[in-house]
Every structure is written in C-alpha cells, then in structure tokens.
Amino acid sequence: MALFGSAEISGHSLGIDALSLNGPQVLAGAIVTTGAALLPDVDHPGATISRSAGATSKSITSAIGAITGHRGATHTLLAALVFTAVTALVAGANWTMRVPMLGEVQIGAVIVVTLMCVFATRALKVVDGTLVPWLVGAGAGLAVAAAAPAAAIWLPLAVGLGVCVHLLGDLLTTEGVPFPTWPFVARPSRKAASALWHADGNVALPVLGNAGSGREWALCTVLSAYALVTLGATAFDSADAVMASV
C-alpha cells in the first residue's frame, strides 16, 4: 500500500503511487502480497501455508522442510527471484477462458490470485475450514481477473514484494536469514561471529528480538493499522469512481 497506493485522507497521500495503478489493482496487489508473504514458510510444516490444503500441503511443506530446514533455501533472495519469475511466467502466459458475465479472463492470473488469497485468508483468519478459503480464493481470483486486468505487470511485483517483506521481518529477529548471496555463504571466524553475523553464516539486525516478542507485536500493530486505513481509503475511492462512471 505504501509503494503503490494513491488514496488520500484530508489531502495527505497514503502511498507514493509508484506505478500509477488503479484502485482495484492496488487492492488486489495488497491481497496477493499478503499471501505471498507466507511463501518462504513453505519449509515449515507448522506454518499457516502448510494448513492451506489439508494433508497435501502438510506433506509438501514437511518434505521441503526435511530437505532445506527452516529459514533455509526458501528464505533467500534467490528464492524471492524464483517465486517472482514463476509468477511472471504463469501470469504472462496467454491462457484465457471466457467466463459468463466476466468475459475473457487470464487463467494464469486467476490461479496465482486464488492461491495467494487462500494463504492470505488463512493468515488473517478471515475464514475457517478447508474448503471455504478455496471458494473465497477462487471468487477473488475471478474478480481480480475482471476488475484488475494487465496482471502481468503488477502481479509478479506483488509476489516478489510479499516474499521480500517476509525476509525483512525475519532479518529483524535474532535468528536472522541466510547470507544474502546464498547458496554461496560467507561464514565468520569463530572470534568474529556475533548476533549480526552468525557462525552458520546467517545475518541479522535483531532490533525486534526473538520472533513473537513484544516489540514485534508492537510493530505489527502499527503496520496493521496503517494497512487497514489505506485499504479502506482505497476501497472507498474505488467504489466512488465506479459510482461516478455509472
């Protein structure tokens, strides 16, 4: 919302409008970014993303975790590039389908938005159960495909941003994240190892302390309040624009 939002309150802009996206694209991007922020935790069988598809997702995350360990390969800049590139390929593919009342929709964009929306609703605890999040996600995917076209432009950016925000959050905790150039990892000498550069090569700027600390919750509260305000303002502006056009 800070990078791509453009809504205003009392004449004060809530975002820098980096790509001049319209309201529906900004809202859709926020949902996708929220879901994509869970992607690095595909290596953790106890994470929210692991519960998105029942036994199937649990098995996948358990297998990945057994290979990479938690905060391993999926918590790297290389992983962020891979997630973004895959999204760009899927969203940019010329797979279309005619849907009643919506016309031609990009199937790739629908698939990506559906998955990210499922992850987002799970993370935010908007809906419960196994089936309902997928129904909500599919509906959101179709709605986004109709209301926010040209997904090949903003959708990969939203996914990459979500993954990078996750990595930034982990960087600010004591455990940190793998060395930026992973899989080429520089490790400090035994004497040089510190809270900023761990003996295993992980790096950290642990201003939030341990994950789940009071400082982390305080930051989360402030960011959540900002997100809710900007989402509401953007949704209001979008609805007002639609009514004006009608």
C-alpha atoms as a PDB file:
ATOM      1  CA  MET A   1       0.000   0.000   0.000  1.00  0.00           C
ATOM      2  CA  ALA A   2       2.894   2.368   0.752  1.00  0.00           C
ATOM      3  CA  LEU A   3       4.592   1.751  -2.593  1.00  0.00           C
ATOM      4  CA  PHE A   4       1.639   1.571  -4.957  1.00  0.00           C
ATOM      5  CA  GLY A   5      -1.301   3.163  -3.144  1.00  0.00           C
ATOM      6  CA  SER A   6      -2.525   6.641  -4.010  1.00  0.00           C
ATOM      7  CA  ALA A   7      -5.546   7.178  -1.739  1.00  0.00           C
ATOM      8  CA  GLU A   8      -5.634  10.376   0.306  1.00  0.00           C
ATOM      9  CA  ILE A   9      -7.045  11.399   3.668  1.00  0.00           C
ATOM     10  CA  SER A  10      -7.524  15.115   4.297  1.00  0.00           C
ATOM     11  CA  GLY A  11      -5.278  15.900   1.360  1.00  0.00           C
ATOM     12  CA  HIS A  12      -2.428  13.690   2.609  1.00  0.00           C
ATOM     13  CA  SER A  13      -1.367  10.832   0.330  1.00  0.00           C
ATOM     14  CA  LEU A  14      -1.108   7.425   2.000  1.00  0.00           C
ATOM     15  CA  GLY A  15       1.240   5.972  -0.620  1.00  0.00           C
ATOM     16  CA  ILE A  16       3.745   7.073  -3.249  1.00  0.00           C
ATOM     17  CA  ASP A  17       1.809   5.676  -6.258  1.00  0.00           C
ATOM     18  CA  ALA A  18       4.971   4.178  -7.779  1.00  0.00           C
ATOM     19  CA  LEU A  19       3.277   2.556 -10.786  1.00  0.00           C
ATOM     20  CA  SER A  20       0.087   4.622 -11.136  1.00  0.00           C
ATOM     21  CA  LEU A  21      -2.084   1.527 -10.613  1.00  0.00           C
ATOM     22  CA  ASN A  22      -5.840   1.884 -10.362  1.00  0.00           C
ATOM     23  CA  GLY A  23      -7.736   1.148  -7.158  1.00  0.00           C
ATOM     24  CA  PRO A  24      -8.729  -2.462  -7.950  1.00  0.00           C
ATOM     25  CA  GLN A  25      -5.144  -3.290  -8.934  1.00  0.00           C
ATOM     26  CA  VAL A  26      -3.820  -1.828  -5.685  1.00  0.00           C
ATOM     27  CA  LEU A  27      -6.361  -3.747  -3.600  1.00  0.00           C
ATOM     28  CA  ALA A  28      -5.691  -6.978  -5.470  1.00  0.00           C
ATOM     29  CA  GLY A  29      -1.961  -6.431  -5.122  1.00  0.00           C
ATOM     30  CA  ALA A  30      -2.344  -5.999  -1.359  1.00  0.00           C
ATOM     31  CA  ILE A  31      -4.156  -9.336  -1.093  1.00  0.00           C
ATOM     32  CA  VAL A  32      -1.555 -11.075  -3.258  1.00  0.00           C
ATOM     33  CA  THR A  33       1.311  -9.536  -1.278  1.00  0.00           C
ATOM     34  CA  THR A  34      -0.248 -10.751   1.975  1.00  0.00           C
ATOM     35  CA  GLY A  35      -0.494 -14.289   0.642  1.00  0.00           C
ATOM     36  CA  ALA A  36       2.957 -14.216  -0.953  1.00  0.00           C
ATOM     37  CA  ALA A  37       4.457 -13.172   2.378  1.00  0.00           C
ATOM     38  CA  LEU A  38       3.768 -16.732   3.542  1.00  0.00           C
ATOM     39  CA  LEU A  39       5.636 -18.423   0.677  1.00  0.00           C
ATOM     40  CA  PRO A  40       9.047 -18.585   2.412  1.00  0.00           C
ATOM     41  CA  ASP A  41       7.444 -20.646   5.195  1.00  0.00           C
ATOM     42  CA  VAL A  42       6.735 -23.444   2.725  1.00  0.00           C
ATOM     43  CA  ASP A  43       9.680 -25.089   4.524  1.00  0.00           C
ATOM     44  CA  HIS A  44       7.784 -25.225   7.853  1.00  0.00           C
ATOM     45  CA  PRO A  45       5.155 -27.973   8.411  1.00  0.00           C
ATOM     46  CA  GLY A  46       3.628 -25.979  11.266  1.00  0.00           C
ATOM     47  CA  ALA A  47       3.203 -22.733   9.296  1.00  0.00           C
ATOM     48  CA  THR A  48      -0.092 -21.254   8.060  1.00  0.00           C
ATOM     49  CA  ILE A  49       0.701 -22.142   4.457  1.00  0.00           C
ATOM     50  CA  SER A  50       1.053 -25.783   5.491  1.00  0.00           C
ATOM     51  CA  ARG A  51      -2.620 -25.857   6.523  1.00  0.00           C
ATOM     52  CA  SER A  52      -3.962 -24.356   3.299  1.00  0.00           C
ATOM     53  CA  ALA A  53      -4.740 -27.637   1.538  1.00  0.00           C
ATOM     54  CA  GLY A  54      -5.000 -30.186   4.305  1.00  0.00           C
ATOM     55  CA  ALA A  55      -2.820 -33.285   4.118  1.00  0.00           C
ATOM     56  CA  THR A  56      -1.464 -32.348   0.673  1.00  0.00           C
ATOM     57  CA  SER A  57       0.094 -29.029   1.728  1.00  0.00           C
ATOM     58  CA  LYS A  58       1.230 -30.574   5.005  1.00  0.00           C
ATOM     59  CA  SER A  59       3.114 -33.289   3.114  1.00  0.00           C
ATOM     60  CA  ILE A  60       4.683 -30.787   0.718  1.00  0.00           C
ATOM     61  CA  THR A  61       5.901 -28.439   3.452  1.00  0.00           C
ATOM     62  CA  SER A  62       7.175 -31.362   5.530  1.00  0.00           C
ATOM     63  CA  ALA A  63       9.166 -32.677   2.560  1.00  0.00           C
ATOM     64  CA  ILE A  64      10.636 -29.261   1.757  1.00  0.00           C
ATOM     65  CA  GLY A  65      11.461 -28.659   5.408  1.00  0.00           C
ATOM     66  CA  ALA A  66      13.240 -32.015   5.639  1.00  0.00           C
ATOM     67  CA  ILE A  67      15.451 -31.030   2.710  1.00  0.00           C
ATOM     68  CA  THR A  68      16.171 -27.364   3.444  1.00  0.00           C
ATOM     69  CA  GLY A  69      15.430 -26.923   7.138  1.00  0.00           C
ATOM     70  CA  HIS A  70      13.507 -23.889   8.423  1.00  0.00           C
ATOM     71  CA  ARG A  71      14.776 -20.488   7.282  1.00  0.00           C
ATOM     72  CA  GLY A  72      16.893 -22.189   4.686  1.00  0.00           C
ATOM     73  CA  ALA A  73      16.712 -22.049   0.900  1.00  0.00           C
ATOM     74  CA  THR A  74      13.192 -20.609   0.779  1.00  0.00           C
ATOM     75  CA  HIS A  75      14.272 -17.660   2.950  1.00  0.00           C
ATOM     76  CA  THR A  76      16.798 -16.286   0.462  1.00  0.00           C
ATOM     77  CA  LEU A  77      16.959 -13.580  -2.177  1.00  0.00           C
ATOM     78  CA  LEU A  78      17.364 -16.346  -4.752  1.00  0.00           C
ATOM     79  CA  ALA A  79      14.040 -17.830  -3.635  1.00  0.00           C
ATOM     80  CA  ALA A  80      12.407 -14.396  -3.955  1.00  0.00           C
ATOM     81  CA  LEU A  81      13.655 -14.182  -7.549  1.00  0.00           C
ATOM     82  CA  VAL A  82      12.385 -17.688  -8.300  1.00  0.00           C
ATOM     83  CA  PHE A  83       8.925 -17.037  -6.835  1.00  0.00           C
ATOM     84  CA  THR A  84       8.702 -13.781  -8.804  1.00  0.00           C
ATOM     85  CA  ALA A  85       9.886 -15.345 -12.053  1.00  0.00           C
ATOM     86  CA  VAL A  86       7.447 -18.257 -11.796  1.00  0.00           C
ATOM     87  CA  THR A  87       4.603 -15.825 -11.150  1.00  0.00           C
ATOM     88  CA  ALA A  88       5.629 -13.734 -14.164  1.00  0.00           C
ATOM     89  CA  LEU A  89       5.633 -16.823 -16.379  1.00  0.00           C
ATOM     90  CA  VAL A  90       2.245 -18.018 -15.153  1.00  0.00           C
ATOM     91  CA  ALA A  91       0.581 -14.597 -15.175  1.00  0.00           C
ATOM     92  CA  GLY A  92       2.069 -13.712 -18.549  1.00  0.00           C
ATOM     93  CA  ALA A  93       1.062 -16.927 -20.268  1.00  0.00           C
ATOM     94  CA  ASN A  94      -1.683 -16.448 -22.822  1.00  0.00           C
ATOM     95  CA  TRP A  95      -4.161 -18.821 -21.175  1.00  0.00           C
ATOM     96  CA  THR A  96      -7.631 -17.341 -21.469  1.00  0.00           C
ATOM     97  CA  MET A  97     -11.116 -18.592 -20.797  1.00  0.00           C
ATOM     98  CA  ARG A  98     -14.499 -16.979 -21.331  1.00  0.00           C
ATOM     99  CA  VAL A  99     -16.440 -16.717 -18.090  1.00  0.00           C
ATOM    100  CA  PRO A 100     -20.146 -15.735 -18.081  1.00  0.00           C
ATOM    101  CA  MET A 101     -20.636 -12.072 -17.103  1.00  0.00           C
ATOM    102  CA  LEU A 102     -16.857 -11.534 -16.887  1.00  0.00           C
ATOM    103  CA  GLY A 103     -15.790 -12.164 -20.468  1.00  0.00           C
ATOM    104  CA  GLU A 104     -12.219 -13.297 -21.238  1.00  0.00           C
ATOM    105  CA  VAL A 105     -10.067 -13.830 -18.161  1.00  0.00           C
ATOM    106  CA  GLN A 106      -6.397 -14.758 -17.801  1.00  0.00           C
ATOM    107  CA  ILE A 107      -6.291 -18.237 -16.263  1.00  0.00           C
ATOM    108  CA  GLY A 108      -2.730 -17.804 -15.008  1.00  0.00           C
ATOM    109  CA  ALA A 109      -3.659 -14.689 -13.054  1.00  0.00           C
ATOM    110  CA  VAL A 110      -6.721 -16.423 -11.614  1.00  0.00           C
ATOM    111  CA  ILE A 111      -4.593 -19.336 -10.392  1.00  0.00           C
ATOM    112  CA  VAL A 112      -1.975 -17.106  -8.743  1.00  0.00           C
ATOM    113  CA  VAL A 113      -4.521 -14.799  -7.101  1.00  0.00           C
ATOM    114  CA  THR A 114      -6.562 -17.765  -5.878  1.00  0.00           C
ATOM    115  CA  LEU A 115      -3.548 -19.347  -4.189  1.00  0.00           C
ATOM    116  CA  MET A 116      -2.359 -16.078  -2.643  1.00  0.00           C
ATOM    117  CA  CYS A 117      -5.875 -15.244  -1.442  1.00  0.00           C
ATOM    118  CA  VAL A 118      -6.153 -18.658   0.223  1.00  0.00           C
ATOM    119  CA  PHE A 119      -2.871 -18.042   2.030  1.00  0.00           C
ATOM    120  CA  ALA A 120      -3.949 -14.514   2.979  1.00  0.00           C
ATOM    121  CA  THR A 121      -7.329 -15.548   4.388  1.00  0.00           C
ATOM    122  CA  ARG A 122      -5.604 -18.273   6.367  1.00  0.00           C
ATOM    123  CA  ALA A 123      -3.006 -15.862   7.734  1.00  0.00           C
ATOM    124  CA  LEU A 124      -5.570 -13.206   8.650  1.00  0.00           C
ATOM    125  CA  LYS A 125      -8.034 -15.818   9.997  1.00  0.00           C
ATOM    126  CA  VAL A 126     -10.809 -14.316   7.848  1.00  0.00           C
ATOM    127  CA  VAL A 127     -12.491 -17.681   7.231  1.00  0.00           C
ATOM    128  CA  ASP A 128     -12.230 -21.136   8.765  1.00  0.00           C
ATOM    129  CA  GLY A 129     -12.331 -24.646   7.403  1.00  0.00           C
ATOM    130  CA  THR A 130     -10.582 -26.302   4.485  1.00  0.00           C
ATOM    131  CA  LEU A 131     -12.986 -25.702   1.600  1.00  0.00           C
ATOM    132  CA  VAL A 132     -14.225 -22.166   2.315  1.00  0.00           C
ATOM    133  CA  PRO A 133     -10.816 -20.450   1.852  1.00  0.00           C
ATOM    134  CA  TRP A 134     -10.529 -22.042  -1.588  1.00  0.00           C
ATOM    135  CA  LEU A 135     -14.018 -20.903  -2.569  1.00  0.00           C
ATOM    136  CA  VAL A 136     -13.197 -17.381  -1.399  1.00  0.00           C
ATOM    137  CA  GLY A 137      -9.865 -17.536  -3.205  1.00  0.00           C
ATOM    138  CA  ALA A 138     -11.415 -18.703  -6.479  1.00  0.00           C
ATOM    139  CA  GLY A 139     -14.005 -15.934  -6.296  1.00  0.00           C
ATOM    140  CA  ALA A 140     -11.300 -13.367  -5.622  1.00  0.00           C
ATOM    141  CA  GLY A 141      -9.224 -14.714  -8.493  1.00  0.00           C
ATOM    142  CA  LEU A 142     -12.087 -14.309 -10.963  1.00  0.00           C
ATOM    143  CA  ALA A 143     -12.994 -10.893  -9.603  1.00  0.00           C
ATOM    144  CA  VAL A 144      -9.411  -9.679  -9.889  1.00  0.00           C
ATOM    145  CA  ALA A 145      -9.094 -11.020 -13.419  1.00  0.00           C
ATOM    146  CA  ALA A 146     -12.135  -8.948 -14.374  1.00  0.00           C
ATOM    147  CA  ALA A 147     -11.549  -5.802 -12.298  1.00  0.00           C
ATOM    148  CA  ALA A 148      -7.758  -5.551 -12.383  1.00  0.00           C
ATOM    149  CA  PRO A 149      -6.521  -6.647 -15.816  1.00  0.00           C
ATOM    150  CA  ALA A 150      -2.930  -6.399 -17.080  1.00  0.00           C
ATOM    151  CA  ALA A 151      -1.935  -8.719 -14.237  1.00  0.00           C
ATOM    152  CA  ALA A 152       1.377  -9.469 -15.949  1.00  0.00           C
ATOM    153  CA  ILE A 153       2.539  -6.021 -14.787  1.00  0.00           C
ATOM    154  CA  TRP A 154       1.654  -5.857 -11.103  1.00  0.00           C
ATOM    155  CA  LEU A 155       1.131  -9.490 -10.084  1.00  0.00           C
ATOM    156  CA  PRO A 156       4.802 -10.619 -10.124  1.00  0.00           C
ATOM    157  CA  LEU A 157       5.770  -7.425  -8.294  1.00  0.00           C
ATOM    158  CA  ALA A 158       3.209  -8.156  -5.587  1.00  0.00           C
ATOM    159  CA  VAL A 159       4.518 -11.695  -5.108  1.00  0.00           C
ATOM    160  CA  GLY A 160       8.158 -10.578  -5.019  1.00  0.00           C
ATOM    161  CA  LEU A 161       7.315  -7.787  -2.588  1.00  0.00           C
ATOM    162  CA  GLY A 162       5.469 -10.163  -0.269  1.00  0.00           C
ATOM    163  CA  VAL A 163       8.407 -12.574  -0.140  1.00  0.00           C
ATOM    164  CA  CYS A 164      10.896  -9.746   0.463  1.00  0.00           C
ATOM    165  CA  VAL A 165       8.779  -8.304   3.283  1.00  0.00           C
ATOM    166  CA  HIS A 166       8.840 -11.743   4.935  1.00  0.00           C
ATOM    167  CA  LEU A 167      12.623 -11.874   4.622  1.00  0.00           C
ATOM    168  CA  LEU A 168      12.943  -8.364   6.031  1.00  0.00           C
ATOM    169  CA  GLY A 169      10.788  -9.303   9.007  1.00  0.00           C
ATOM    170  CA  ASP A 170      12.927 -12.371   9.725  1.00  0.00           C
ATOM    171  CA  LEU A 171      16.103 -10.318   9.298  1.00  0.00           C
ATOM    172  CA  LEU A 172      14.955  -8.107  12.173  1.00  0.00           C
ATOM    173  CA  THR A 173      14.759 -11.072  14.585  1.00  0.00           C
ATOM    174  CA  THR A 174      17.583 -12.831  16.403  1.00  0.00           C
ATOM    175  CA  GLU A 175      17.564 -15.921  14.153  1.00  0.00           C
ATOM    176  CA  GLY A 176      18.050 -13.835  11.010  1.00  0.00           C
ATOM    177  CA  VAL A 177      18.120 -15.149   7.448  1.00  0.00           C
ATOM    178  CA  PRO A 178      20.678 -16.945   5.252  1.00  0.00           C
ATOM    179  CA  PHE A 179      23.601 -14.954   3.872  1.00  0.00           C
ATOM    180  CA  PRO A 180      22.400 -12.656   1.018  1.00  0.00           C
ATOM    181  CA  THR A 181      24.437 -14.465  -1.660  1.00  0.00           C
ATOM    182  CA  TRP A 182      23.117 -17.925  -0.726  1.00  0.00           C
ATOM    183  CA  PRO A 183      23.943 -20.644  -1.830  1.00  0.00           C
ATOM    184  CA  PHE A 184      27.398 -19.027  -1.686  1.00  0.00           C
ATOM    185  CA  VAL A 185      27.657 -18.394   2.040  1.00  0.00           C
ATOM    186  CA  ALA A 186      30.394 -16.462   3.825  1.00  0.00           C
ATOM    187  CA  ARG A 187      30.911 -17.552   7.423  1.00  0.00           C
ATOM    188  CA  PRO A 188      32.789 -15.530  10.039  1.00  0.00           C
ATOM    189  CA  SER A 189      35.692 -16.845  12.035  1.00  0.00           C
ATOM    190  CA  ARG A 190      34.883 -18.138  15.493  1.00  0.00           C
ATOM    191  CA  LYS A 191      36.023 -14.872  17.085  1.00  0.00           C
ATOM    192  CA  ALA A 192      34.197 -12.676  14.551  1.00  0.00           C
ATOM    193  CA  ALA A 193      30.824 -14.427  14.934  1.00  0.00           C
ATOM    194  CA  SER A 194      28.213 -12.187  16.530  1.00  0.00           C
ATOM    195  CA  ALA A 195      24.496 -11.503  16.812  1.00  0.00           C
ATOM    196  CA  LEU A 196      24.739  -9.723  13.463  1.00  0.00           C
ATOM    197  CA  TRP A 197      26.709 -12.421  11.625  1.00  0.00           C
ATOM    198  CA  HIS A 198      26.165 -15.907  12.983  1.00  0.00           C
ATOM    199  CA  ALA A 199      28.674 -18.733  12.887  1.00  0.00           C
ATOM    200  CA  ASP A 200      26.491 -20.603  10.371  1.00  0.00           C
ATOM    201  CA  GLY A 201      26.532 -17.606   8.009  1.00  0.00           C
ATOM    202  CA  ASN A 202      23.076 -16.248   8.841  1.00  0.00           C
ATOM    203  CA  VAL A 203      22.833 -12.472   9.112  1.00  0.00           C
ATOM    204  CA  ALA A 204      20.510 -10.470  11.366  1.00  0.00           C
ATOM    205  CA  LEU A 205      19.627  -6.972  12.508  1.00  0.00           C
ATOM    206  CA  PRO A 206      17.806  -8.176  15.641  1.00  0.00           C
ATOM    207  CA  VAL A 207      16.076  -4.944  16.636  1.00  0.00           C
ATOM    208  CA  LEU A 208      12.852  -6.896  17.292  1.00  0.00           C
ATOM    209  CA  GLY A 209      14.476  -9.597  19.410  1.00  0.00           C
ATOM    210  CA  ASN A 210      13.057 -13.113  19.216  1.00  0.00           C
ATOM    211  CA  ALA A 211      10.144 -13.898  16.899  1.00  0.00           C
ATOM    212  CA  GLY A 212       6.895 -13.237  18.762  1.00  0.00           C
ATOM    213  CA  SER A 213       8.425 -10.631  21.064  1.00  0.00           C
ATOM    214  CA  GLY A 214       6.559  -7.619  22.384  1.00  0.00           C
ATOM    215  CA  ARG A 215       8.492  -5.367  20.021  1.00  0.00           C
ATOM    216  CA  GLU A 216       7.446  -7.477  17.064  1.00  0.00           C
ATOM    217  CA  TRP A 217       3.797  -7.321  18.125  1.00  0.00           C
ATOM    218  CA  ALA A 218       4.029  -3.553  18.593  1.00  0.00           C
ATOM    219  CA  LEU A 219       5.407  -3.096  15.077  1.00  0.00           C
ATOM    220  CA  CYS A 220       2.787  -5.475  13.702  1.00  0.00           C
ATOM    221  CA  THR A 221       0.023  -3.451  15.350  1.00  0.00           C
ATOM    222  CA  VAL A 222       1.231  -0.175  13.824  1.00  0.00           C
ATOM    223  CA  LEU A 223       1.663  -1.682  10.342  1.00  0.00           C
ATOM    224  CA  SER A 224      -1.725  -3.422  10.516  1.00  0.00           C
ATOM    225  CA  ALA A 225      -3.436  -0.167  11.462  1.00  0.00           C
ATOM    226  CA  TYR A 226      -1.770   1.604   8.526  1.00  0.00           C
ATOM    227  CA  ALA A 227      -2.754  -1.219   6.168  1.00  0.00           C
ATOM    228  CA  LEU A 228      -6.389  -1.158   7.293  1.00  0.00           C
ATOM    229  CA  VAL A 229      -6.636   2.620   6.883  1.00  0.00           C
ATOM    230  CA  THR A 230      -5.054   2.619   3.419  1.00  0.00           C
ATOM    231  CA  LEU A 231      -7.098  -0.375   2.262  1.00  0.00           C
ATOM    232  CA  GLY A 232     -10.296   1.284   3.435  1.00  0.00           C
ATOM    233  CA  ALA A 233      -9.450   4.595   1.790  1.00  0.00           C
ATOM    234  CA  THR A 234      -8.529   2.867  -1.479  1.00  0.00           C
ATOM    235  CA  ALA A 235     -11.694   0.761  -1.461  1.00  0.00           C
ATOM    236  CA  PHE A 236     -13.795   3.878  -0.811  1.00  0.00           C
ATOM    237  CA  ASP A 237     -12.131   5.764  -3.663  1.00  0.00           C
ATOM    238  CA  SER A 238     -12.593   2.799  -5.999  1.00  0.00           C
ATOM    239  CA  ALA A 239     -16.271   2.448  -5.151  1.00  0.00           C
ATOM    240  CA  ASP A 240     -16.755   6.195  -5.577  1.00  0.00           C
ATOM    241  CA  ALA A 241     -15.101   6.063  -9.007  1.00  0.00           C
ATOM    242  CA  VAL A 242     -17.350   3.180 -10.088  1.00  0.00           C
ATOM    243  CA  MET A 243     -20.493   5.014  -8.970  1.00  0.00           C
ATOM    244  CA  ALA A 244     -19.369   8.155 -10.778  1.00  0.00           C
ATOM    245  CA  SER A 245     -18.803   6.244 -14.018  1.00  0.00           C
ATOM    246  CA  VAL A 246     -22.237   4.623 -13.720  1.00  0.00           C
END
